[in-house]
Amino acid sequence: INQNQTNSFTYVVDKDGVVKLPVLGFFYVKGYTESELERILAEKYAGLFVDPWVSVKVVNRRVFVFKGSNASVLLLDEYPISLIEAIAKTGGLDADAKAYKIRVIRGDVKNPQVHLVDLSSIEGIRKADLSIQPNDIIVVDRKKRVVSDVLRELSPYLGVVTTVTTLIILVRTIGK
């Protein structure tokens, strides 16, 4: 193998934190950082190989972003990232977003930590230096647009009423 060529393999860690590795077999990896796991695996493989080099990279770190009726999953290629970066990578905030009331939900779903963030002012942005962690849920609610929502709901009916009224006026005009 060419020394400049790097071979990489992907191994799936099951929900219990166990991965099946070549030669070592099943190995518990939950709770280790990437650098700790690299060191431990290099030590384990040192008995089998001369000066082994191990590189570990987690490839499924993700954040869930809900903006009104839109939802997206953001893969965290670079880690850590800020809340502002996460929102920007998912398309930013539109005019209907409640930038003053963004929730970051973290931890166990049964007893989560909820962080409220205000991105509508410079002071709020200064305080929003929140680092996003894998599996965080970011929720950006939409402002209520009562008039436009009512008009959108009524527009099909208004169209029918307008058409019928126009038809009646046309028939009366032609009848005279």
C-alpha atoms as a PDB file:
ATOM      1  CA  ILE A   1       0.000   0.000   0.000  1.00  0.00           C
ATOM      2  CA  ASN A   2       1.226   3.449  -0.870  1.00  0.00           C
ATOM      3  CA  GLN A   3       2.296   5.250   2.331  1.00  0.00           C
ATOM      4  CA  ASN A   4       0.390   8.404   1.313  1.00  0.00           C
ATOM      5  CA  GLN A   5      -2.827   6.468   0.801  1.00  0.00           C
ATOM      6  CA  THR A   6      -5.114   6.248   3.811  1.00  0.00           C
ATOM      7  CA  ASN A   7      -7.538   3.391   4.248  1.00  0.00           C
ATOM      8  CA  SER A   8     -10.652   4.180   6.204  1.00  0.00           C
ATOM      9  CA  PHE A   9     -13.394   1.884   7.346  1.00  0.00           C
ATOM     10  CA  THR A  10     -16.759   2.614   8.883  1.00  0.00           C
ATOM     11  CA  TYR A  11     -17.952   0.618  11.862  1.00  0.00           C
ATOM     12  CA  VAL A  12     -21.414   0.903  13.358  1.00  0.00           C
ATOM     13  CA  VAL A  13     -21.767   1.333  17.098  1.00  0.00           C
ATOM     14  CA  ASP A  14     -24.954  -0.324  18.361  1.00  0.00           C
ATOM     15  CA  LYS A  15     -27.367   1.333  20.791  1.00  0.00           C
ATOM     16  CA  ASP A  16     -25.559  -0.275  23.735  1.00  0.00           C
ATOM     17  CA  GLY A  17     -22.243   1.365  22.742  1.00  0.00           C
ATOM     18  CA  VAL A  18     -20.607  -1.786  21.341  1.00  0.00           C
ATOM     19  CA  VAL A  19     -18.786  -2.033  18.013  1.00  0.00           C
ATOM     20  CA  LYS A  20     -17.366  -5.093  16.270  1.00  0.00           C
ATOM     21  CA  LEU A  21     -13.752  -4.439  15.268  1.00  0.00           C
ATOM     22  CA  PRO A  22     -11.366  -6.587  13.240  1.00  0.00           C
ATOM     23  CA  VAL A  23      -9.279  -8.963  15.360  1.00  0.00           C
ATOM     24  CA  LEU A  24     -10.473  -7.426  18.659  1.00  0.00           C
ATOM     25  CA  GLY A  25     -14.079  -8.498  18.174  1.00  0.00           C
ATOM     26  CA  PHE A  26     -16.782  -6.751  20.196  1.00  0.00           C
ATOM     27  CA  PHE A  27     -15.501  -3.647  21.978  1.00  0.00           C
ATOM     28  CA  TYR A  28     -17.362  -1.209  24.280  1.00  0.00           C
ATOM     29  CA  VAL A  29     -16.779   2.367  23.087  1.00  0.00           C
ATOM     30  CA  LYS A  30     -19.599   4.386  24.683  1.00  0.00           C
ATOM     31  CA  GLY A  31     -18.456   7.334  26.781  1.00  0.00           C
ATOM     32  CA  TYR A  32     -14.991   7.736  25.274  1.00  0.00           C
ATOM     33  CA  THR A  33     -13.871  10.826  23.404  1.00  0.00           C
ATOM     34  CA  GLU A  34     -12.373  10.316  19.965  1.00  0.00           C
ATOM     35  CA  SER A  35      -8.821  10.913  21.211  1.00  0.00           C
ATOM     36  CA  GLU A  36      -9.273   8.562  24.189  1.00  0.00           C
ATOM     37  CA  LEU A  37     -10.606   5.842  21.924  1.00  0.00           C
ATOM     38  CA  GLU A  38      -7.719   6.305  19.468  1.00  0.00           C
ATOM     39  CA  ARG A  39      -5.219   5.856  22.297  1.00  0.00           C
ATOM     40  CA  ILE A  40      -6.994   2.818  23.783  1.00  0.00           C
ATOM     41  CA  LEU A  41      -7.393   1.066  20.434  1.00  0.00           C
ATOM     42  CA  ALA A  42      -3.765   1.764  19.515  1.00  0.00           C
ATOM     43  CA  GLU A  43      -2.725   0.127  22.807  1.00  0.00           C
ATOM     44  CA  LYS A  44      -4.971  -2.885  22.129  1.00  0.00           C
ATOM     45  CA  TYR A  45      -3.614  -3.307  18.594  1.00  0.00           C
ATOM     46  CA  ALA A  46       0.021  -2.783  19.747  1.00  0.00           C
ATOM     47  CA  GLY A  47       0.163  -6.425  20.843  1.00  0.00           C
ATOM     48  CA  LEU A  48      -0.757  -7.499  17.307  1.00  0.00           C
ATOM     49  CA  PHE A  49       0.881  -4.897  15.053  1.00  0.00           C
ATOM     50  CA  VAL A  50       4.105  -2.911  15.082  1.00  0.00           C
ATOM     51  CA  ASP A  51       3.473   0.737  15.976  1.00  0.00           C
ATOM     52  CA  PRO A  52      -0.245   0.824  15.048  1.00  0.00           C
ATOM     53  CA  TRP A  53      -1.919   4.098  14.179  1.00  0.00           C
ATOM     54  CA  VAL A  54      -5.653   4.460  14.851  1.00  0.00           C
ATOM     55  CA  SER A  55      -7.870   7.324  13.759  1.00  0.00           C
ATOM     56  CA  VAL A  56     -11.434   7.638  15.063  1.00  0.00           C
ATOM     57  CA  LYS A  57     -14.046   9.967  13.631  1.00  0.00           C
ATOM     58  CA  VAL A  58     -17.721  10.015  14.560  1.00  0.00           C
ATOM     59  CA  VAL A  59     -19.713  10.443  11.355  1.00  0.00           C
ATOM     60  CA  ASN A  60     -23.294  10.662  12.567  1.00  0.00           C
ATOM     61  CA  ARG A  61     -23.383  13.686  14.843  1.00  0.00           C
ATOM     62  CA  ARG A  62     -26.541  15.542  14.041  1.00  0.00           C
ATOM     63  CA  VAL A  63     -28.848  18.311  15.207  1.00  0.00           C
ATOM     64  CA  PHE A  64     -32.566  18.592  14.531  1.00  0.00           C
ATOM     65  CA  VAL A  65     -33.843  22.023  13.469  1.00  0.00           C
ATOM     66  CA  PHE A  66     -37.559  22.851  13.401  1.00  0.00           C
ATOM     67  CA  LYS A  67     -38.550  26.184  11.861  1.00  0.00           C
ATOM     68  CA  GLY A  68     -42.323  26.497  11.764  1.00  0.00           C
ATOM     69  CA  SER A  69     -43.595  23.678   9.578  1.00  0.00           C
ATOM     70  CA  ASN A  70     -40.127  22.986   8.135  1.00  0.00           C
ATOM     71  CA  ALA A  71     -37.758  20.494   9.710  1.00  0.00           C
ATOM     72  CA  SER A  72     -34.211  19.536   8.810  1.00  0.00           C
ATOM     73  CA  VAL A  73     -31.384  17.408  10.113  1.00  0.00           C
ATOM     74  CA  LEU A  74     -27.985  19.082  10.231  1.00  0.00           C
ATOM     75  CA  LEU A  75     -24.956  16.781  10.198  1.00  0.00           C
ATOM     76  CA  LEU A  76     -22.172  18.190  12.339  1.00  0.00           C
ATOM     77  CA  ASP A  77     -19.157  17.774  10.091  1.00  0.00           C
ATOM     78  CA  GLU A  78     -17.315  20.400  12.081  1.00  0.00           C
ATOM     79  CA  TYR A  79     -17.743  20.177  15.806  1.00  0.00           C
ATOM     80  CA  PRO A  80     -18.481  22.178  17.883  1.00  0.00           C
ATOM     81  CA  ILE A  81     -20.578  24.842  16.153  1.00  0.00           C
ATOM     82  CA  SER A  82     -22.591  27.725  17.540  1.00  0.00           C
ATOM     83  CA  LEU A  83     -26.353  28.135  17.448  1.00  0.00           C
ATOM     84  CA  ILE A  84     -26.016  30.898  14.865  1.00  0.00           C
ATOM     85  CA  GLU A  85     -23.938  28.626  12.599  1.00  0.00           C
ATOM     86  CA  ALA A  86     -26.494  25.810  12.915  1.00  0.00           C
ATOM     87  CA  ILE A  87     -29.367  28.120  11.970  1.00  0.00           C
ATOM     88  CA  ALA A  88     -27.377  29.610   9.083  1.00  0.00           C
ATOM     89  CA  LYS A  89     -26.512  26.160   7.710  1.00  0.00           C
ATOM     90  CA  THR A  90     -30.218  25.254   7.613  1.00  0.00           C
ATOM     91  CA  GLY A  91     -31.232  28.336   5.623  1.00  0.00           C
ATOM     92  CA  GLY A  92     -31.322  31.052   8.255  1.00  0.00           C
ATOM     93  CA  LEU A  93     -34.378  32.778   9.674  1.00  0.00           C
ATOM     94  CA  ASP A  94     -37.135  34.227   7.507  1.00  0.00           C
ATOM     95  CA  ALA A  95     -39.335  37.243   8.282  1.00  0.00           C
ATOM     96  CA  ASP A  96     -41.949  35.090  10.044  1.00  0.00           C
ATOM     97  CA  ALA A  97     -39.493  33.468  12.469  1.00  0.00           C
ATOM     98  CA  LYS A  98     -39.619  34.382  16.140  1.00  0.00           C
ATOM     99  CA  ALA A  99     -35.941  35.288  16.456  1.00  0.00           C
ATOM    100  CA  TYR A 100     -36.640  36.507  19.991  1.00  0.00           C
ATOM    101  CA  LYS A 101     -37.747  33.087  21.220  1.00  0.00           C
ATOM    102  CA  ILE A 102     -35.538  30.229  20.017  1.00  0.00           C
ATOM    103  CA  ARG A 103     -35.453  27.086  22.124  1.00  0.00           C
ATOM    104  CA  VAL A 104     -32.543  24.650  22.279  1.00  0.00           C
ATOM    105  CA  ILE A 105     -33.666  21.377  23.814  1.00  0.00           C
ATOM    106  CA  ARG A 106     -30.890  19.179  25.159  1.00  0.00           C
ATOM    107  CA  GLY A 107     -30.535  15.949  27.078  1.00  0.00           C
ATOM    108  CA  ASP A 108     -32.978  13.223  27.981  1.00  0.00           C
ATOM    109  CA  VAL A 109     -36.345  13.729  26.295  1.00  0.00           C
ATOM    110  CA  LYS A 110     -38.145  12.789  29.531  1.00  0.00           C
ATOM    111  CA  ASN A 111     -36.345  15.518  31.483  1.00  0.00           C
ATOM    112  CA  PRO A 112     -34.725  17.886  28.974  1.00  0.00           C
ATOM    113  CA  GLN A 113     -32.791  21.074  29.538  1.00  0.00           C
ATOM    114  CA  VAL A 114     -34.357  23.953  27.607  1.00  0.00           C
ATOM    115  CA  HIS A 115     -32.292  27.026  26.745  1.00  0.00           C
ATOM    116  CA  LEU A 116     -34.178  30.129  25.559  1.00  0.00           C
ATOM    117  CA  VAL A 117     -32.220  32.327  23.166  1.00  0.00           C
ATOM    118  CA  ASP A 118     -33.035  35.781  21.760  1.00  0.00           C
ATOM    119  CA  LEU A 119     -31.393  36.537  18.402  1.00  0.00           C
ATOM    120  CA  SER A 120     -33.494  39.636  17.679  1.00  0.00           C
ATOM    121  CA  SER A 121     -31.067  42.108  19.255  1.00  0.00           C
ATOM    122  CA  ILE A 122     -27.338  42.651  19.465  1.00  0.00           C
ATOM    123  CA  GLU A 123     -27.459  42.055  23.221  1.00  0.00           C
ATOM    124  CA  GLY A 124     -29.290  38.775  22.648  1.00  0.00           C
ATOM    125  CA  ILE A 125     -26.723  37.686  20.059  1.00  0.00           C
ATOM    126  CA  ARG A 126     -23.920  38.433  22.518  1.00  0.00           C
ATOM    127  CA  LYS A 127     -25.592  36.191  25.096  1.00  0.00           C
ATOM    128  CA  ALA A 128     -26.309  33.495  22.493  1.00  0.00           C
ATOM    129  CA  ASP A 129     -22.813  32.069  22.495  1.00  0.00           C
ATOM    130  CA  LEU A 130     -24.325  28.614  22.864  1.00  0.00           C
ATOM    131  CA  SER A 131     -22.363  25.670  21.543  1.00  0.00           C
ATOM    132  CA  ILE A 132     -24.586  23.124  19.823  1.00  0.00           C
ATOM    133  CA  GLN A 133     -24.133  19.512  20.874  1.00  0.00           C
ATOM    134  CA  PRO A 134     -25.062  16.324  19.000  1.00  0.00           C
ATOM    135  CA  ASN A 135     -28.757  15.421  19.230  1.00  0.00           C
ATOM    136  CA  ASP A 136     -29.795  18.937  20.269  1.00  0.00           C
ATOM    137  CA  ILE A 137     -33.218  20.039  19.053  1.00  0.00           C
ATOM    138  CA  ILE A 138     -33.501  23.640  17.872  1.00  0.00           C
ATOM    139  CA  VAL A 139     -37.043  25.020  17.675  1.00  0.00           C
ATOM    140  CA  VAL A 140     -37.825  28.347  16.000  1.00  0.00           C
ATOM    141  CA  ASP A 141     -41.534  29.174  16.149  1.00  0.00           C
ATOM    142  CA  ARG A 142     -43.272  31.265  13.519  1.00  0.00           C
ATOM    143  CA  LYS A 143     -45.057  34.532  14.240  1.00  0.00           C
ATOM    144  CA  LYS A 144     -48.821  34.345  14.051  1.00  0.00           C
ATOM    145  CA  ARG A 145     -50.120  36.166  10.982  1.00  0.00           C
ATOM    146  CA  VAL A 146     -53.824  36.234  11.813  1.00  0.00           C
ATOM    147  CA  VAL A 147     -55.038  38.399   8.920  1.00  0.00           C
ATOM    148  CA  SER A 148     -53.046  36.609   6.220  1.00  0.00           C
ATOM    149  CA  ASP A 149     -53.966  33.194   7.669  1.00  0.00           C
ATOM    150  CA  VAL A 150     -57.672  34.071   7.703  1.00  0.00           C
ATOM    151  CA  LEU A 151     -57.518  35.445   4.145  1.00  0.00           C
ATOM    152  CA  ARG A 152     -55.689  32.326   2.961  1.00  0.00           C
ATOM    153  CA  GLU A 153     -58.384  30.129   4.492  1.00  0.00           C
ATOM    154  CA  LEU A 154     -61.229  32.253   3.114  1.00  0.00           C
ATOM    155  CA  SER A 155     -59.844  32.832  -0.390  1.00  0.00           C
ATOM    156  CA  PRO A 156     -61.459  29.753  -2.012  1.00  0.00           C
ATOM    157  CA  TYR A 157     -64.866  30.783  -0.625  1.00  0.00           C
ATOM    158  CA  LEU A 158     -64.361  34.415  -1.617  1.00  0.00           C
ATOM    159  CA  GLY A 159     -63.510  33.239  -5.121  1.00  0.00           C
ATOM    160  CA  VAL A 160     -66.784  31.310  -5.374  1.00  0.00           C
ATOM    161  CA  VAL A 161     -68.808  34.266  -4.004  1.00  0.00           C
ATOM    162  CA  THR A 162     -67.093  36.655  -6.429  1.00  0.00           C
ATOM    163  CA  THR A 163     -67.733  34.356  -9.388  1.00  0.00           C
ATOM    164  CA  VAL A 164     -71.425  33.876  -8.492  1.00  0.00           C
ATOM    165  CA  THR A 165     -71.919  37.627  -7.906  1.00  0.00           C
ATOM    166  CA  THR A 166     -70.258  38.464 -11.227  1.00  0.00           C
ATOM    167  CA  LEU A 167     -72.426  35.902 -13.007  1.00  0.00           C
ATOM    168  CA  ILE A 168     -75.636  37.326 -11.457  1.00  0.00           C
ATOM    169  CA  ILE A 169     -74.688  40.896 -12.393  1.00  0.00           C
ATOM    170  CA  LEU A 170     -73.799  39.776 -15.928  1.00  0.00           C
ATOM    171  CA  VAL A 171     -77.136  37.959 -16.376  1.00  0.00           C
ATOM    172  CA  ARG A 172     -79.102  40.991 -15.094  1.00  0.00           C
ATOM    173  CA  THR A 173     -77.170  43.361 -17.342  1.00  0.00           C
ATOM    174  CA  ILE A 174     -77.706  41.205 -20.433  1.00  0.00           C
ATOM    175  CA  GLY A 175     -81.401  40.722 -19.515  1.00  0.00           C
ATOM    176  CA  LYS A 176     -82.083  44.490 -19.598  1.00  0.00           C
END
